């Protein structure tokens, strides 16, 4: 069983990035809400950890921002945008290659459920954040349809398995221990959107590494867990995340 982010995406970052490259707007709502909650100001330094292929950047329209994309996967790191306002680095998330108090905004999107040493990771987030900075952690909650889809369906049809450690109330004392305070907790209704059923199936196959599933298996799993809605040939599926916004305790 592959449990850590580093182990998982050393093997399947390429197929994940293929899904994101083929259907770059499928998760548009998810990223747009992340940017909205972060309330990014001009000239901000943004730390995206883990960054995947740097997908967040195209959703940030705020002027003159600088991006630190931090990854464990060489395949993801090689796919991040190449620009003067971007720096991509490979690292362990427990030891970020950044100076203290350098980040105005920090985001961890859909990765916490594969992070084991959370206390140390949160301490690093606290270290690199500027005094008035903000951290956004967005992930799956335990007991949701999304969590059941991942830990039941994906676990069955991905040869690497999937055993995500999803968000529960037990997470929140770790923030307090890391000198972080919760500013808001939001559970918006999200949808992943596709032009047709075939695109939806292909996206899910590649994003989740469903190498053991037929197209019929994937459709069955989507119908069981993700509440697909069909409208004039287009289709959307329900995706459930909780967005936790944090600041330093003394901010």
Protein backbone atom coordinates (compact mmCIF):
# COMPACT_ATOMS: atom_id res chain seq x y z
CA UNK A 1 0.00 0.00 0.00
CA UNK A 2 1.25 3.46 -0.95
CA UNK A 3 0.24 5.90 1.76
CA UNK A 4 2.44 9.00 1.59
CA UNK A 5 2.14 11.80 -0.93
CA UNK A 6 5.76 11.26 -1.95
CA UNK A 7 5.30 7.53 -2.59
CA UNK A 8 2.03 7.95 -4.45
CA UNK A 9 3.07 10.70 -6.83
CA UNK A 10 6.49 9.30 -7.53
CA UNK A 11 4.43 6.69 -9.40
CA UNK A 12 1.41 8.49 -10.82
CA UNK A 13 2.12 12.20 -11.17
CA UNK A 14 2.26 11.81 -14.95
CA UNK A 15 -1.25 10.42 -15.30
CA UNK A 16 -2.61 12.99 -12.84
CA UNK A 17 -1.02 15.83 -14.81
CA UNK A 18 -2.33 14.35 -18.05
CA UNK A 19 -5.86 14.59 -16.66
CA UNK A 20 -5.33 18.20 -15.59
CA UNK A 21 -3.76 19.13 -18.94
CA UNK A 22 -6.52 17.49 -21.02
CA UNK A 23 -9.35 19.01 -18.98
CA UNK A 24 -7.90 22.15 -17.38
CA UNK A 25 -11.27 23.65 -16.45
CA UNK A 26 -12.84 20.56 -14.88
CA UNK A 27 -11.88 21.65 -11.34
CA UNK A 28 -12.28 25.38 -12.00
CA UNK A 29 -14.69 25.96 -9.09
CA UNK A 30 -12.33 24.25 -6.65
CA UNK A 31 -9.41 26.52 -7.53
CA UNK A 32 -11.46 29.70 -7.87
CA UNK A 33 -12.86 29.27 -4.37
CA UNK A 34 -9.40 28.65 -2.98
CA UNK A 35 -8.21 31.96 -4.46
CA UNK A 36 -11.32 33.73 -3.17
CA UNK A 37 -10.80 32.49 0.40
CA UNK A 38 -7.11 33.41 0.34
CA UNK A 39 -7.95 37.06 -0.52
CA UNK A 40 -4.65 37.58 -2.30
CA UNK A 41 -3.26 41.11 -2.31
CA UNK A 42 -1.02 42.70 -4.97
CA UNK A 43 2.68 41.84 -4.74
CA UNK A 44 1.99 38.78 -2.60
CA UNK A 45 4.34 35.84 -2.27
CA UNK A 46 2.32 32.64 -2.58
CA UNK A 47 3.55 29.25 -1.41
CA UNK A 48 1.74 26.33 -3.06
CA UNK A 49 2.59 23.06 -1.30
CA UNK A 50 2.31 20.60 -2.89
CA UNK A 51 1.88 22.38 -6.17
CA UNK A 52 1.24 19.54 -8.60
CA UNK A 53 1.82 21.06 -12.02
CA UNK A 54 1.33 24.61 -10.76
CA UNK A 55 -2.39 24.66 -11.60
CA UNK A 56 -3.20 27.41 -9.10
CA UNK A 57 -1.30 30.13 -10.94
CA UNK A 58 -3.77 30.64 -13.79
CA UNK A 59 -6.54 31.39 -11.30
CA UNK A 60 -4.62 34.19 -9.56
CA UNK A 61 -5.26 37.45 -11.39
CA UNK A 62 -3.89 39.69 -8.65
CA UNK A 63 -1.03 41.83 -9.91
CA UNK A 64 2.67 41.13 -9.37
CA UNK A 65 2.46 37.94 -7.31
CA UNK A 66 5.39 35.56 -6.88
CA UNK A 67 4.86 31.80 -6.65
CA UNK A 68 6.88 29.21 -4.75
CA UNK A 69 5.85 25.82 -6.11
CA UNK A 70 7.04 23.06 -3.77
CA UNK A 71 6.86 19.40 -4.71
CA UNK A 72 8.23 15.93 -3.96
CA UNK A 73 7.54 14.71 -7.50
CA UNK A 74 10.00 15.48 -10.29
CA UNK A 75 7.27 14.88 -12.87
CA UNK A 76 5.02 17.47 -11.27
CA UNK A 77 7.88 19.93 -10.79
CA UNK A 78 8.88 19.66 -14.45
CA UNK A 79 5.31 20.59 -15.45
CA UNK A 80 5.02 23.82 -13.46
CA UNK A 81 4.93 27.11 -15.40
CA UNK A 82 8.26 28.63 -16.36
CA UNK A 83 8.22 32.36 -15.66
CA UNK A 84 10.15 35.08 -13.85
CA UNK A 85 7.58 35.13 -11.06
CA UNK A 86 7.77 31.37 -10.42
CA UNK A 87 10.28 29.28 -8.49
CA UNK A 88 9.82 25.50 -8.34
CA UNK A 89 11.71 23.37 -5.84
CA UNK A 90 11.78 19.71 -4.83
CA UNK A 91 11.67 19.16 -1.10
CA UNK A 92 10.27 17.30 1.86
CA UNK A 93 7.19 19.04 3.19
CA UNK A 94 8.53 18.73 6.72
CA UNK A 95 11.52 20.94 5.79
CA UNK A 96 10.55 23.68 3.36
CA UNK A 97 13.45 25.31 1.47
CA UNK A 98 12.21 28.80 2.30
CA UNK A 99 13.32 31.51 4.72
CA UNK A 100 11.19 32.32 7.74
CA UNK A 101 8.36 34.83 7.31
CA UNK A 102 8.54 34.91 3.52
CA UNK A 103 5.01 33.90 2.47
CA UNK A 104 1.94 36.16 2.37
CA UNK A 105 -0.31 33.26 1.40
CA UNK A 106 0.18 29.50 1.67
CA UNK A 107 -2.10 26.82 0.29
CA UNK A 108 -2.34 23.04 0.60
CA UNK A 109 -5.10 21.84 -1.71
CA UNK A 110 -6.31 18.23 -1.71
CA UNK A 111 -3.10 16.76 -0.32
CA UNK A 112 -3.37 16.72 3.47
CA UNK A 113 -5.01 13.29 3.47
CA UNK A 114 -1.69 11.87 2.26
CA UNK A 115 0.48 13.80 4.76
CA UNK A 116 1.59 11.77 7.77
CA UNK A 117 3.75 14.07 9.92
CA UNK A 118 1.18 16.85 10.06
CA UNK A 119 2.46 18.47 13.23
CA UNK A 120 5.88 19.13 11.68
CA UNK A 121 4.34 20.28 8.39
CA UNK A 122 2.13 22.78 10.22
CA UNK A 123 5.12 24.02 12.20
CA UNK A 124 6.88 24.70 8.91
CA UNK A 125 3.83 26.53 7.60
CA UNK A 126 3.85 28.67 10.74
CA UNK A 127 7.56 29.36 10.29
CA UNK A 128 7.41 30.56 6.68
CA UNK A 129 4.23 32.62 7.04
CA UNK A 130 4.46 36.38 7.41
CA UNK A 131 2.83 37.84 10.56
CA UNK A 132 -0.31 38.93 8.70
CA UNK A 133 -0.31 36.05 6.25
CA UNK A 134 -3.00 33.44 5.62
CA UNK A 135 -2.95 29.67 5.18
CA UNK A 136 -5.65 27.72 3.36
CA UNK A 137 -5.97 23.99 3.79
CA UNK A 138 -8.66 22.41 1.62
CA UNK A 139 -9.32 18.70 1.77
CA UNK A 140 -11.85 15.91 2.04
CA UNK A 141 -13.78 15.30 5.23
CA UNK A 142 -14.21 11.82 6.65
CA UNK A 143 -17.63 10.31 6.10
CA UNK A 144 -18.50 12.28 2.96
CA UNK A 145 -19.41 10.74 -0.38
CA UNK A 146 -16.12 12.05 -1.74
CA UNK A 147 -14.17 10.35 1.02
CA UNK A 148 -16.05 7.10 0.46
CA UNK A 149 -15.43 7.31 -3.29
CA UNK A 150 -11.69 7.66 -2.70
CA UNK A 151 -11.19 5.12 0.08
CA UNK A 152 -13.62 2.53 -1.27
CA UNK A 153 -13.93 2.86 -5.04
CA UNK A 154 -10.48 4.27 -5.89
CA UNK A 155 -8.91 1.96 -3.32
CA UNK A 156 -10.44 -1.01 -5.17
CA UNK A 157 -9.63 0.01 -8.73
CA UNK A 158 -6.21 1.66 -8.30
CA UNK A 159 -3.49 -0.99 -8.05
CA UNK A 160 -1.65 1.25 -5.56
CA UNK A 161 -4.75 1.52 -3.39
CA UNK A 162 -6.05 4.62 -1.64
CA UNK A 163 -6.25 5.06 2.13
CA UNK A 164 -6.68 8.78 2.73
CA UNK A 165 -6.58 10.13 6.28
CA UNK A 166 -9.38 12.63 5.87
CA UNK A 167 -10.26 15.65 8.00
CA UNK A 168 -12.00 15.04 11.33
CA UNK A 169 -12.36 17.25 14.44
CA UNK A 170 -9.13 15.68 15.72
CA UNK A 171 -7.19 17.79 13.21
CA UNK A 172 -7.99 21.15 14.77
CA UNK A 173 -5.95 20.79 18.01
CA UNK A 174 -2.87 20.33 15.79
CA UNK A 175 -3.35 23.85 14.45
CA UNK A 176 -3.42 25.20 17.99
CA UNK A 177 -0.24 23.30 18.87
CA UNK A 178 1.44 24.86 15.83
CA UNK A 179 0.54 28.42 16.87
CA UNK A 180 -2.14 28.69 14.19
CA UNK A 181 -5.72 29.84 14.67
CA UNK A 182 -8.75 29.01 12.57
CA UNK A 183 -10.36 32.04 10.92
CA UNK A 184 -13.09 30.28 8.99
CA UNK A 185 -14.32 26.85 7.93
CA UNK A 186 -16.34 26.62 4.71
CA UNK A 187 -18.06 23.69 3.06
CA UNK A 188 -19.18 25.00 -0.34
CA UNK A 189 -21.05 22.97 -2.91
CA UNK A 190 -18.49 22.13 -5.60
CA UNK A 191 -18.84 20.56 -9.02
CA UNK A 192 -16.34 19.16 -11.49
CA UNK A 193 -17.64 19.96 -14.97
CA UNK A 194 -17.20 18.15 -18.27
CA UNK A 195 -18.41 18.54 -21.84
CA UNK A 196 -19.53 14.92 -22.03
CA UNK A 197 -19.57 11.58 -20.23
CA UNK A 198 -16.50 10.29 -22.05
CA UNK A 199 -14.40 13.24 -20.84
CA UNK A 200 -15.59 12.67 -17.27
CA UNK A 201 -14.56 9.00 -17.37
CA UNK A 202 -11.17 9.72 -18.93
CA UNK A 203 -10.44 12.48 -16.43
CA UNK A 204 -11.28 10.27 -13.45
CA UNK A 205 -9.31 7.34 -14.85
CA UNK A 206 -6.14 9.41 -15.20
CA UNK A 207 -6.51 11.62 -12.13
CA UNK A 208 -7.11 8.71 -9.78
CA UNK A 209 -4.97 6.10 -11.53
CA UNK A 210 -7.88 3.70 -12.07
CA UNK A 211 -5.79 1.13 -13.91
CA UNK A 212 -7.97 -1.80 -12.80
CA UNK A 213 -11.30 -0.27 -13.85
CA UNK A 214 -13.30 -0.50 -17.06
CA UNK A 215 -15.21 2.53 -18.29
CA UNK A 216 -18.37 0.86 -16.98
CA UNK A 217 -16.75 0.44 -13.55
CA UNK A 218 -15.88 4.14 -13.43
CA UNK A 219 -19.38 5.20 -14.46
CA UNK A 220 -20.85 2.93 -11.81
CA UNK A 221 -18.58 4.41 -9.13
CA UNK A 222 -19.42 7.96 -10.17
CA UNK A 223 -23.15 7.26 -10.06
CA UNK A 224 -22.88 5.60 -6.66
CA UNK A 225 -20.80 8.27 -4.90
CA UNK A 226 -20.58 11.55 -6.86
CA UNK A 227 -24.14 12.47 -7.88
CA UNK A 228 -23.65 13.15 -11.61
CA UNK A 229 -25.99 15.63 -13.27
CA UNK A 230 -26.51 15.53 -17.05
CA UNK A 231 -27.68 18.62 -18.92
CA UNK A 232 -27.83 18.80 -22.73
CA UNK A 233 -24.91 16.40 -23.09
CA UNK A 234 -22.72 18.09 -20.48
CA UNK A 235 -22.16 16.49 -17.10
CA UNK A 236 -21.04 17.59 -13.65
CA UNK A 237 -20.15 15.60 -10.56
CA UNK A 238 -20.36 16.67 -6.93
CA UNK A 239 -17.01 17.05 -5.15
CA UNK A 240 -16.96 17.78 -1.40
CA UNK A 241 -14.11 19.66 0.28
CA UNK A 242 -13.79 21.67 3.46
CA UNK A 243 -11.76 24.90 3.21
CA UNK A 244 -10.00 25.82 6.47
CA UNK A 245 -8.51 29.31 6.62
CA UNK A 246 -5.79 29.96 9.21
CA UNK A 247 -3.60 32.76 10.54
CA UNK A 248 -0.87 32.98 13.11
CA UNK A 249 -2.19 33.08 16.67
CA UNK A 250 -0.65 36.46 17.39
CA UNK A 251 -1.74 38.06 14.10
